PDB file of N, CA and C in Angstrom:
ATOM      1  N   MET A   1      -8.568 -26.978   7.132  1.00  0.00           N
ATOM      2  CA  MET A   1      -9.670 -26.094   7.427  1.00  0.00           C
ATOM      3  C   MET A   1      -9.733 -25.800   8.911  1.00  0.00           C
ATOM      4  N   GLU A   2      -9.462 -26.796   9.715  1.00  0.00           N
ATOM      5  CA  GLU A   2      -9.479 -26.615  11.159  1.00  0.00           C
ATOM      6  C   GLU A   2      -8.360 -25.680  11.588  1.00  0.00           C
ATOM      7  N   ASN A   3      -7.219 -25.738  10.911  1.00  0.00           N
ATOM      8  CA  ASN A   3      -6.085 -24.880  11.205  1.00  0.00           C
ATOM      9  C   ASN A   3      -6.460 -23.410  10.994  1.00  0.00           C
ATOM     10  N   THR A   4      -7.199 -23.111   9.930  1.00  0.00           N
ATOM     11  CA  THR A   4      -7.647 -21.751   9.654  1.00  0.00           C
ATOM     12  C   THR A   4      -8.601 -21.280  10.735  1.00  0.00           C
ATOM     13  N   HIS A   5      -9.497 -22.162  11.169  1.00  0.00           N
ATOM     14  CA  HIS A   5     -10.471 -21.810  12.208  1.00  0.00           C
ATOM     15  C   HIS A   5      -9.764 -21.506  13.529  1.00  0.00           C
ATOM     16  N   THR A   6      -8.722 -22.263  13.851  1.00  0.00           N
ATOM     17  CA  THR A   6      -7.970 -22.052  15.080  1.00  0.00           C
ATOM     18  C   THR A   6      -7.237 -20.714  15.030  1.00  0.00           C
ATOM     19  N   THR A   7      -6.654 -20.383  13.893  1.00  0.00           N
ATOM     20  CA  THR A   7      -5.940 -19.123  13.734  1.00  0.00           C
ATOM     21  C   THR A   7      -6.897 -17.952  13.877  1.00  0.00           C
ATOM     22  N   GLN A   8      -8.074 -18.047  13.274  1.00  0.00           N
ATOM     23  CA  GLN A   8      -9.060 -16.976  13.384  1.00  0.00           C
ATOM     24  C   GLN A   8      -9.522 -16.812  14.824  1.00  0.00           C
ATOM     25  N   SER A   9      -9.699 -17.906  15.534  1.00  0.00           N
ATOM     26  CA  SER A   9     -10.118 -17.826  16.929  1.00  0.00           C
ATOM     27  C   SER A   9      -9.071 -17.137  17.771  1.00  0.00           C
ATOM     28  N   LYS A  10      -7.813 -17.454  17.520  1.00  0.00           N
ATOM     29  CA  LYS A  10      -6.730 -16.814  18.272  1.00  0.00           C
ATOM     30  C   LYS A  10      -6.690 -15.326  18.006  1.00  0.00           C
ATOM     31  N   LEU A  11      -6.844 -14.912  16.711  1.00  0.00           N
ATOM     32  CA  LEU A  11      -6.829 -13.495  16.377  1.00  0.00           C
ATOM     33  C   LEU A  11      -7.997 -12.769  17.006  1.00  0.00           C
ATOM     34  N   GLN A  12      -9.171 -13.379  16.959  1.00  0.00           N
ATOM     35  CA  GLN A  12     -10.343 -12.746  17.556  1.00  0.00           C
ATOM     36  C   GLN A  12     -10.199 -12.644  19.062  1.00  0.00           C
ATOM     37  N   GLY A  13      -9.584 -13.612  19.667  1.00  0.00           N
ATOM     38  CA  GLY A  13      -9.370 -13.582  21.111  1.00  0.00           C
ATOM     39  C   GLY A  13      -8.439 -12.462  21.505  1.00  0.00           C
ATOM     40  N   LYS A  14      -7.418 -12.206  20.702  1.00  0.00           N
ATOM     41  CA  LYS A  14      -6.479 -11.124  21.006  1.00  0.00           C
ATOM     42  C   LYS A  14      -7.123  -9.766  20.792  1.00  0.00           C
ATOM     43  N   GLN A  15      -7.949  -9.645  19.765  1.00  0.00           N
ATOM     44  CA  GLN A  15      -8.543  -8.352  19.458  1.00  0.00           C
ATOM     45  C   GLN A  15      -9.704  -8.025  20.378  1.00  0.00           C
ATOM     46  N   GLY A  16     -10.512  -8.965  20.658  1.00  0.00           N
ATOM     47  CA  GLY A  16     -11.735  -8.679  21.373  1.00  0.00           C
ATOM     48  C   GLY A  16     -11.731  -9.171  22.799  1.00  0.00           C
ATOM     49  N   ASN A  17     -10.595  -9.194  23.479  1.00  0.00           N
ATOM     50  CA  ASN A  17     -10.564  -9.704  24.837  1.00  0.00           C
ATOM     51  C   ASN A  17     -11.064  -8.687  25.848  1.00  0.00           C
ATOM     52  N   GLY A  18     -11.176  -7.409  25.474  1.00  0.00           N
ATOM     53  CA  GLY A  18     -11.757  -6.399  26.333  1.00  0.00           C
ATOM     54  C   GLY A  18     -10.944  -6.086  27.566  1.00  0.00           C
ATOM     55  N   SER A  19      -9.683  -6.453  27.612  1.00  0.00           N
ATOM     56  CA  SER A  19      -8.874  -6.222  28.807  1.00  0.00           C
ATOM     57  C   SER A  19      -8.160  -4.876  28.758  1.00  0.00           C
ATOM     58  N   GLY A  20      -8.482  -4.037  27.784  1.00  0.00           N
ATOM     59  CA  GLY A  20      -7.838  -2.724  27.689  1.00  0.00           C
ATOM     60  C   GLY A  20      -6.396  -2.829  27.251  1.00  0.00           C
ATOM     61  N   ASN A  21      -6.120  -3.749  26.388  1.00  0.00           N
ATOM     62  CA  ASN A  21      -4.752  -3.998  25.935  1.00  0.00           C
ATOM     63  C   ASN A  21      -4.409  -3.089  24.761  1.00  0.00           C
ATOM     64  N   ASN A  22      -4.758  -1.810  24.848  1.00  0.00           N
ATOM     65  CA  ASN A  22      -4.486  -0.836  23.795  1.00  0.00           C
ATOM     66  C   ASN A  22      -3.261   0.001  24.106  1.00  0.00           C
ATOM     67  N   GLU A  23      -2.505  -0.382  25.096  1.00  0.00           N
ATOM     68  CA  GLU A  23      -1.330   0.413  25.481  1.00  0.00           C
ATOM     69  C   GLU A  23      -0.344   0.589  24.337  1.00  0.00           C
ATOM     70  N   PRO A  24       0.011  -0.448  23.575  1.00  0.00           N
ATOM     71  CA  PRO A  24       0.943  -0.223  22.465  1.00  0.00           C
ATOM     72  C   PRO A  24       0.387   0.750  21.431  1.00  0.00           C
ATOM     73  N   VAL A  25      -0.908   0.654  21.156  1.00  0.00           N
ATOM     74  CA  VAL A  25      -1.525   1.555  20.188  1.00  0.00           C
ATOM     75  C   VAL A  25      -1.497   2.985  20.721  1.00  0.00           C
ATOM     76  N   GLU A  26      -1.796   3.147  21.997  1.00  0.00           N
ATOM     77  CA  GLU A  26      -1.782   4.481  22.597  1.00  0.00           C
ATOM     78  C   GLU A  26      -0.379   5.066  22.607  1.00  0.00           C
ATOM     79  N   ARG A  27       0.622   4.233  22.875  1.00  0.00           N
ATOM     80  CA  ARG A  27       2.004   4.729  22.867  1.00  0.00           C
ATOM     81  C   ARG A  27       2.408   5.176  21.471  1.00  0.00           C
ATOM     82  N   VAL A  28       2.027   4.393  20.466  1.00  0.00           N
ATOM     83  CA  VAL A  28       2.358   4.765  19.089  1.00  0.00           C
ATOM     84  C   VAL A  28       1.632   6.056  18.716  1.00  0.00           C
ATOM     85  N   ALA A  29       0.364   6.162  19.106  1.00  0.00           N
ATOM     86  CA  ALA A  29      -0.396   7.380  18.804  1.00  0.00           C
ATOM     87  C   ALA A  29       0.210   8.590  19.507  1.00  0.00           C
ATOM     88  N   ASP A  30       0.599   8.436  20.771  1.00  0.00           N
ATOM     89  CA  ASP A  30       1.234   9.541  21.499  1.00  0.00           C
ATOM     90  C   ASP A  30       2.540   9.945  20.849  1.00  0.00           C
ATOM     91  N   SER A  31       3.314   8.949  20.446  1.00  0.00           N
ATOM     92  CA  SER A  31       4.590   9.226  19.783  1.00  0.00           C
ATOM     93  C   SER A  31       4.360   9.959  18.463  1.00  0.00           C
ATOM     94  N   ALA A  32       3.338   9.533  17.728  1.00  0.00           N
ATOM     95  CA  ALA A  32       3.026  10.198  16.456  1.00  0.00           C
ATOM     96  C   ALA A  32       2.605  11.643  16.696  1.00  0.00           C
ATOM     97  N   HIS A  33       1.794  11.872  17.722  1.00  0.00           N
ATOM     98  CA  HIS A  33       1.377  13.242  18.041  1.00  0.00           C
ATOM     99  C   HIS A  33       2.569  14.106  18.434  1.00  0.00           C
ATOM    100  N   GLU A  34       3.470  13.562  19.215  1.00  0.00           N
ATOM    101  CA  GLU A  34       4.661  14.320  19.610  1.00  0.00           C
ATOM    102  C   GLU A  34       5.502  14.666  18.395  1.00  0.00           C
ATOM    103  N   THR A  35       5.647  13.708  17.484  1.00  0.00           N
ATOM    104  CA  THR A  35       6.440  13.941  16.277  1.00  0.00           C
ATOM    105  C   THR A  35       5.802  15.021  15.417  1.00  0.00           C
ATOM    106  N   VAL A  36       4.497  14.961  15.259  1.00  0.00           N
ATOM    107  CA  VAL A  36       3.796  15.979  14.469  1.00  0.00           C
ATOM    108  C   VAL A  36       3.952  17.348  15.122  1.00  0.00           C
ATOM    109  N   ASP A  37       3.859  17.406  16.447  1.00  0.00           N
ATOM    110  CA  ASP A  37       4.040  18.677  17.146  1.00  0.00           C
ATOM    111  C   ASP A  37       5.446  19.236  16.942  1.00  0.00           C
ATOM    112  N   LYS A  38       6.453  18.362  16.996  1.00  0.00           N
ATOM    113  CA  LYS A  38       7.840  18.807  16.792  1.00  0.00           C
ATOM    114  C   LYS A  38       8.032  19.329  15.375  1.00  0.00           C
ATOM    115  N   ILE A  39       7.453  18.627  14.404  1.00  0.00           N
ATOM    116  CA  ILE A  39       7.572  19.067  13.005  1.00  0.00           C
ATOM    117  C   ILE A  39       6.864  20.400  12.816  1.00  0.00           C
ATOM    118  N   ALA A  40       5.697  20.555  13.425  1.00  0.00           N
ATOM    119  CA  ALA A  40       4.963  21.818  13.312  1.00  0.00           C
ATOM    120  C   ALA A  40       5.765  22.965  13.926  1.00  0.00           C
ATOM    121  N   ASP A  41       6.386  22.725  15.072  1.00  0.00           N
ATOM    122  CA  ASP A  41       7.207  23.765  15.703  1.00  0.00           C
ATOM    123  C   ASP A  41       8.402  24.132  14.832  1.00  0.00           C
ATOM    124  N   ALA A  42       9.056  23.112  14.266  1.00  0.00           N
ATOM    125  CA  ALA A  42      10.212  23.369  13.409  1.00  0.00           C
ATOM    126  C   ALA A  42       9.800  24.138  12.154  1.00  0.00           C
ATOM    127  N   THR A  43       8.662  23.783  11.581  1.00  0.00           N
ATOM    128  CA  THR A  43       8.169  24.472  10.396  1.00  0.00           C
ATOM    129  C   THR A  43       7.843  25.925  10.710  1.00  0.00           C
ATOM    130  N   HIS A  44       7.226  26.150  11.863  1.00  0.00           N
ATOM    131  CA  HIS A  44       6.898  27.524  12.276  1.00  0.00           C
ATOM    132  C   HIS A  44       8.170  28.347  12.466  1.00  0.00           C
ATOM    133  N   SER A  45       9.171  27.745  13.100  1.00  0.00           N
ATOM    134  CA  SER A  45      10.443  28.448  13.306  1.00  0.00           C
ATOM    135  C   SER A  45      11.110  28.774  11.973  1.00  0.00           C
ATOM    136  N   ALA A  46      11.081  27.814  11.038  1.00  0.00           N
ATOM    137  CA  ALA A  46      11.686  28.044   9.721  1.00  0.00           C
ATOM    138  C   ALA A  46      10.945  29.149   8.979  1.00  0.00           C
ATOM    139  N   ALA A  47       9.622  29.158   9.065  1.00  0.00           N
ATOM    140  CA  ALA A  47       8.845  30.196   8.395  1.00  0.00           C
ATOM    141  C   ALA A  47       9.157  31.570   8.980  1.00  0.00           C
ATOM    142  N   ASP A  48       9.311  31.640  10.295  1.00  0.00           N
ATOM    143  CA  ASP A  48       9.669  32.910  10.927  1.00  0.00           C
ATOM    144  C   ASP A  48      11.039  33.389  10.458  1.00  0.00           C
ATOM    145  N   ALA A  49      12.005  32.458  10.383  1.00  0.00           N
ATOM    146  CA  ALA A  49      13.357  32.820   9.951  1.00  0.00           C
ATOM    147  C   ALA A  49      13.359  33.294   8.501  1.00  0.00           C
ATOM    148  N   ILE A  50      12.604  32.613   7.648  1.00  0.00           N
ATOM    149  CA  ILE A  50      12.542  33.003   6.240  1.00  0.00           C
ATOM    150  C   ILE A  50      11.886  34.371   6.099  1.00  0.00           C
ATOM    151  N   SER A  51      10.842  34.596   6.871  1.00  0.00           N
ATOM    152  CA  SER A  51      10.169  35.895   6.828  1.00  0.00           C
ATOM    153  C   SER A  51      11.116  37.008   7.258  1.00  0.00           C
ATOM    154  N   GLU A  52      11.884  36.756   8.307  1.00  0.00           N
ATOM    155  CA  GLU A  52      12.838  37.754   8.789  1.00  0.00           C
ATOM    156  C   GLU A  52      13.914  38.031   7.744  1.00  0.00           C
ATOM    157  N   LYS A  53      14.440  36.978   7.126  1.00  0.00           N
ATOM    158  CA  LYS A  53      15.471  37.156   6.090  1.00  0.00           C
ATOM    159  C   LYS A  53      14.900  37.889   4.882  1.00  0.00           C
ATOM    160  N   GLY A  54      13.647  37.597   4.541  1.00  0.00           N
ATOM    161  CA  GLY A  54      13.005  38.293   3.427  1.00  0.00           C
ATOM    162  C   GLY A  54      12.909  39.785   3.687  1.00  0.00           C
ATOM    163  N   GLY A  55      12.575  40.138   4.911  1.00  0.00           N
ATOM    164  CA  GLY A  55      12.520  41.555   5.276  1.00  0.00           C
ATOM    165  C   GLY A  55      13.884  42.207   5.192  1.00  0.00           C
ATOM    166  N   GLN A  56      14.913  41.485   5.629  1.00  0.00           N
ATOM    167  CA  GLN A  56      16.271  42.021   5.561  1.00  0.00           C
ATOM    168  C   GLN A  56      16.701  42.222   4.109  1.00  0.00           C
ATOM    169  N   LEU A  57      16.365  41.265   3.242  1.00  0.00           N
ATOM    170  CA  LEU A  57      16.722  41.395   1.824  1.00  0.00           C
ATOM    171  C   LEU A  57      15.987  42.564   1.174  1.00  0.00           C
ATOM    172  N   GLN A  58      14.741  42.758   1.547  1.00  0.00           N
ATOM    173  CA  GLN A  58      13.992  43.878   1.003  1.00  0.00           C
ATOM    174  C   GLN A  58      14.605  45.206   1.442  1.00  0.00           C
ATOM    175  N   ASP A  59      15.013  45.296   2.692  1.00  0.00           N
ATOM    176  CA  ASP A  59      15.678  46.505   3.177  1.00  0.00           C
ATOM    177  C   ASP A  59      16.982  46.752   2.423  1.00  0.00           C
ATOM    178  N   LEU A  60      17.738  45.679   2.187  1.00  0.00           N
ATOM    179  CA  LEU A  60      19.005  45.797   1.461  1.00  0.00           C
ATOM    180  C   LEU A  60      18.768  46.255   0.027  1.00  0.00           C
ATOM    181  N   GLN A  61      17.728  45.714  -0.613  1.00  0.00           N
ATOM    182  CA  GLN A  61      17.405  46.116  -1.974  1.00  0.00           C
ATOM    183  C   GLN A  61      17.065  47.603  -2.037  1.00  0.00           C
ATOM    184  N   GLU A  62      16.255  48.058  -1.093  1.00  0.00           N
ATOM    185  CA  GLU A  62      15.891  49.473  -1.068  1.00  0.00           C
ATOM    186  C   GLU A  62      17.118  50.357  -0.865  1.00  0.00           C
ATOM    187  N   GLU A  63      18.036  49.912  -0.013  1.00  0.00           N
ATOM    188  CA  GLU A  63      19.260  50.677   0.233  1.00  0.00           C
ATOM    189  C   GLU A  63      20.104  50.764  -1.035  1.00  0.00           C
ATOM    190  N   TRP A  64      20.258  49.653  -1.749  1.00  0.00           N
ATOM    191  CA  TRP A  64      21.053  49.643  -2.982  1.00  0.00           C
ATOM    192  C   TRP A  64      20.414  50.516  -4.058  1.00  0.00           C
ATOM    193  N   MET A  65      19.091  50.460  -4.156  1.00  0.00           N
ATOM    194  CA  MET A  65      18.409  51.300  -5.153  1.00  0.00           C
ATOM    195  C   MET A  65      18.615  52.787  -4.832  1.00  0.00           C
ATOM    196  N   GLU A  66      18.548  53.128  -3.579  1.00  0.00           N
ATOM    197  CA  GLU A  66      18.765  54.528  -3.191  1.00  0.00           C
ATOM    198  C   GLU A  66      20.202  54.951  -3.511  1.00  0.00           C
ATOM    199  N   ASN A  67      21.161  54.074  -3.223  1.00  0.00           N
ATOM    200  CA  ASN A  67      22.564  54.381  -3.552  1.00  0.00           C
ATOM    201  C   ASN A  67      22.754  54.555  -5.055  1.00  0.00           C
ATOM    202  N   ALA A  68      22.089  53.682  -5.848  1.00  0.00           N
ATOM    203  CA  ALA A  68      22.204  53.794  -7.311  1.00  0.00           C
ATOM    204  C   ALA A  68      21.592  55.109  -7.798  1.00  0.00           C
ATOM    205  N   ARG A  69      20.445  55.483  -7.262  1.00  0.00           N
ATOM    206  CA  ARG A  69      19.813  56.761  -7.648  1.00  0.00           C
ATOM    207  C   ARG A  69      20.733  57.947  -7.332  1.00  0.00           C
ATOM    208  N   GLU A  70      21.329  57.920  -6.143  1.00  0.00           N
ATOM    209  CA  GLU A  70      22.226  59.011  -5.754  1.00  0.00           C
ATOM    210  C   GLU A  70      23.425  59.086  -6.693  1.00  0.00           C
ATOM    211  N   TYR A  71      24.000  57.931  -7.029  1.00  0.00           N
ATOM    212  CA  TYR A  71      25.169  57.913  -7.923  1.00  0.00           C
ATOM    213  C   TYR A  71      24.786  58.448  -9.302  1.00  0.00           C
ATOM    214  N   ILE A  72      23.632  58.021  -9.808  1.00  0.00           N
ATOM    215  CA  ILE A  72      23.195  58.473 -11.135  1.00  0.00           C
ATOM    216  C   ILE A  72      22.941  59.983 -11.139  1.00  0.00           C
ATOM    217  N   ASN A  73      22.349  60.491 -10.058  1.00  0.00           N
ATOM    218  CA  ASN A  73      22.095  61.938  -9.981  1.00  0.00           C
ATOM    219  C   ASN A  73      23.394  62.732  -9.893  1.00  0.00           C
ATOM    220  N   LYS A  74      24.410  62.209  -9.225  1.00  0.00           N
ATOM    221  CA  LYS A  74      25.676  62.924  -9.071  1.00  0.00           C
ATOM    222  C   LYS A  74      26.573  62.769 -10.293  1.00  0.00           C
ATOM    223  N   ASN A  75      26.436  61.639 -11.011  1.00  0.00           N
ATOM    224  CA  ASN A  75      27.321  61.343 -12.150  1.00  0.00           C
ATOM    225  C   ASN A  75      26.509  60.876 -13.357  1.00  0.00           C
ATOM    226  N   PRO A  76      25.746  61.738 -13.973  1.00  0.00           N
ATOM    227  CA  PRO A  76      24.876  61.291 -15.074  1.00  0.00           C
ATOM    228  C   PRO A  76      25.638  60.807 -16.311  1.00  0.00           C
ATOM    229  N   VAL A  77      26.720  61.492 -16.689  1.00  0.00           N
ATOM    230  CA  VAL A  77      27.463  61.108 -17.892  1.00  0.00           C
ATOM    231  C   VAL A  77      28.143  59.749 -17.679  1.00  0.00           C
ATOM    232  N   THR A  78      28.756  59.581 -16.532  1.00  0.00           N
ATOM    233  CA  THR A  78      29.405  58.303 -16.217  1.00  0.00           C
ATOM    234  C   THR A  78      28.367  57.185 -16.173  1.00  0.00           C
ATOM    235  N   SER A  79      27.200  57.451 -15.641  1.00  0.00           N
ATOM    236  CA  SER A  79      26.145  56.444 -15.546  1.00  0.00           C
ATOM    237  C   SER A  79      25.691  55.986 -16.931  1.00  0.00           C
ATOM    238  N   VAL A  80      25.553  56.960 -17.856  1.00  0.00           N
ATOM    239  CA  VAL A  80      25.163  56.609 -19.228  1.00  0.00           C
ATOM    240  C   VAL A  80      26.262  55.769 -19.875  1.00  0.00           C
ATOM    241  N   GLY A  81      27.522  56.118 -19.650  1.00  0.00           N
ATOM    242  CA  GLY A  81      28.640  55.335 -20.200  1.00  0.00           C
ATOM    243  C   GLY A  81      28.645  53.908 -19.653  1.00  0.00           C
ATOM    244  N   ILE A  82      28.416  53.765 -18.364  1.00  0.00           N
ATOM    245  CA  ILE A  82      28.358  52.434 -17.756  1.00  0.00           C
ATOM    246  C   ILE A  82      27.196  51.636 -18.336  1.00  0.00           C
ATOM    247  N   ALA A  83      26.053  52.282 -18.538  1.00  0.00           N
ATOM    248  CA  ALA A  83      24.881  51.601 -19.097  1.00  0.00           C
ATOM    249  C   ALA A  83      25.147  51.139 -20.528  1.00  0.00           C
ATOM    250  N   ILE A  84      25.795  51.982 -21.331  1.00  0.00           N
ATOM    251  CA  ILE A  84      26.110  51.616 -22.718  1.00  0.00           C
ATOM    252  C   ILE A  84      27.099  50.458 -22.746  1.00  0.00           C
ATOM    253  N   ALA A  85      28.143  50.537 -21.932  1.00  0.00           N
ATOM    254  CA  ALA A  85      29.140  49.454 -21.900  1.00  0.00           C
ATOM    255  C   ALA A  85      28.507  48.143 -21.427  1.00  0.00           C
ATOM    256  N   GLY A  86      27.677  48.223 -20.395  1.00  0.00           N
ATOM    257  CA  GLY A  86      27.007  47.025 -19.899  1.00  0.00           C
ATOM    258  C   GLY A  86      26.079  46.422 -20.933  1.00  0.00           C
ATOM    259  N   GLY A  87      25.336  47.252 -21.633  1.00  0.00           N
ATOM    260  CA  GLY A  87      24.448  46.776 -22.697  1.00  0.00           C
ATOM    261  C   GLY A  87      25.209  46.122 -23.827  1.00  0.00           C
ATOM    262  N   PHE A  88      26.357  46.714 -24.190  1.00  0.00           N
ATOM    263  CA  PHE A  88      27.184  46.144 -25.251  1.00  0.00           C
ATOM    264  C   PHE A  88      27.708  44.772 -24.848  1.00  0.00           C
ATOM    265  N   LEU A  89      28.234  44.677 -23.625  1.00  0.00           N
ATOM    266  CA  LEU A  89      28.755  43.391 -23.150  1.00  0.00           C
ATOM    267  C   LEU A  89      27.654  42.334 -23.054  1.00  0.00           C
ATOM    268  N   LEU A  90      26.508  42.733 -22.572  1.00  0.00           N
ATOM    269  CA  LEU A  90      25.397  41.804 -22.445  1.00  0.00           C
ATOM    270  C   LEU A  90      24.930  41.306 -23.813  1.00  0.00           C
ATOM    271  N   SER A  91      24.874  42.212 -24.790  1.00  0.00           N
ATOM    272  CA  SER A  91      24.462  41.790 -26.142  1.00  0.00           C
ATOM    273  C   SER A  91      25.471  40.837 -26.753  1.00  0.00           C
ATOM    274  N   ARG A  92      26.764  41.056 -26.490  1.00  0.00           N
ATOM    275  CA  ARG A  92      27.800  40.159 -27.022  1.00  0.00           C
ATOM    276  C   ARG A  92      27.706  38.776 -26.376  1.00  0.00           C
ATOM    277  N   LEU A  93      27.421  38.751 -25.097  1.00  0.00           N
ATOM    278  CA  LEU A  93      27.301  37.462 -24.394  1.00  0.00           C
ATOM    279  C   LEU A  93      26.071  36.686 -24.870  1.00  0.00           C
ATOM    280  N   LEU A  94      24.975  37.379 -25.089  1.00  0.00           N
ATOM    281  CA  LEU A  94      23.743  36.708 -25.473  1.00  0.00           C
ATOM    282  C   LEU A  94      23.655  36.373 -26.951  1.00  0.00           C
ATOM    283  N   SER A  95      24.446  37.056 -27.780  1.00  0.00           N
ATOM    284  CA  SER A  95      24.368  36.798 -29.237  1.00  0.00           C
ATOM    285  C   SER A  95      25.106  35.502 -29.590  1.00  0.00           C
ATOM    286  N   GLY A  96      26.024  35.044 -28.774  1.00  0.00           N
ATOM    287  CA  GLY A  96      26.733  33.789 -29.012  1.00  0.00           C
ATOM    288  C   GLY A  96      27.830  33.883 -30.048  1.00  0.00           C
ATOM    289  N   ARG A  97      28.286  35.042 -30.356  1.00  0.00           N
ATOM    290  CA  ARG A  97      29.364  35.197 -31.357  1.00  0.00           C
ATOM    291  C   ARG A  97      30.707  34.999 -30.741  1.00  0.00           C
TER     292      ARG A  97
END
């Protein structure tokens, strides 16, 4: 029982000595804040890059759709033939025969 009392006294002495011995805690807190800031910066950069790539993909999609419209307008019979052949192939692939 005395051993437990001595251990508690030592712990209380270390915690409540009032000498401003919080330097390790402050260093850990500062390090944690720096890490969070770095992660936030990296996340922001990644979001910007994804947004930029999304815009590029949207532009590419619009360009391809315009090219497809032009081809269909210039070659309507060929376009219908391609659509029929593609539909036939797709139905054969999906039917599992």
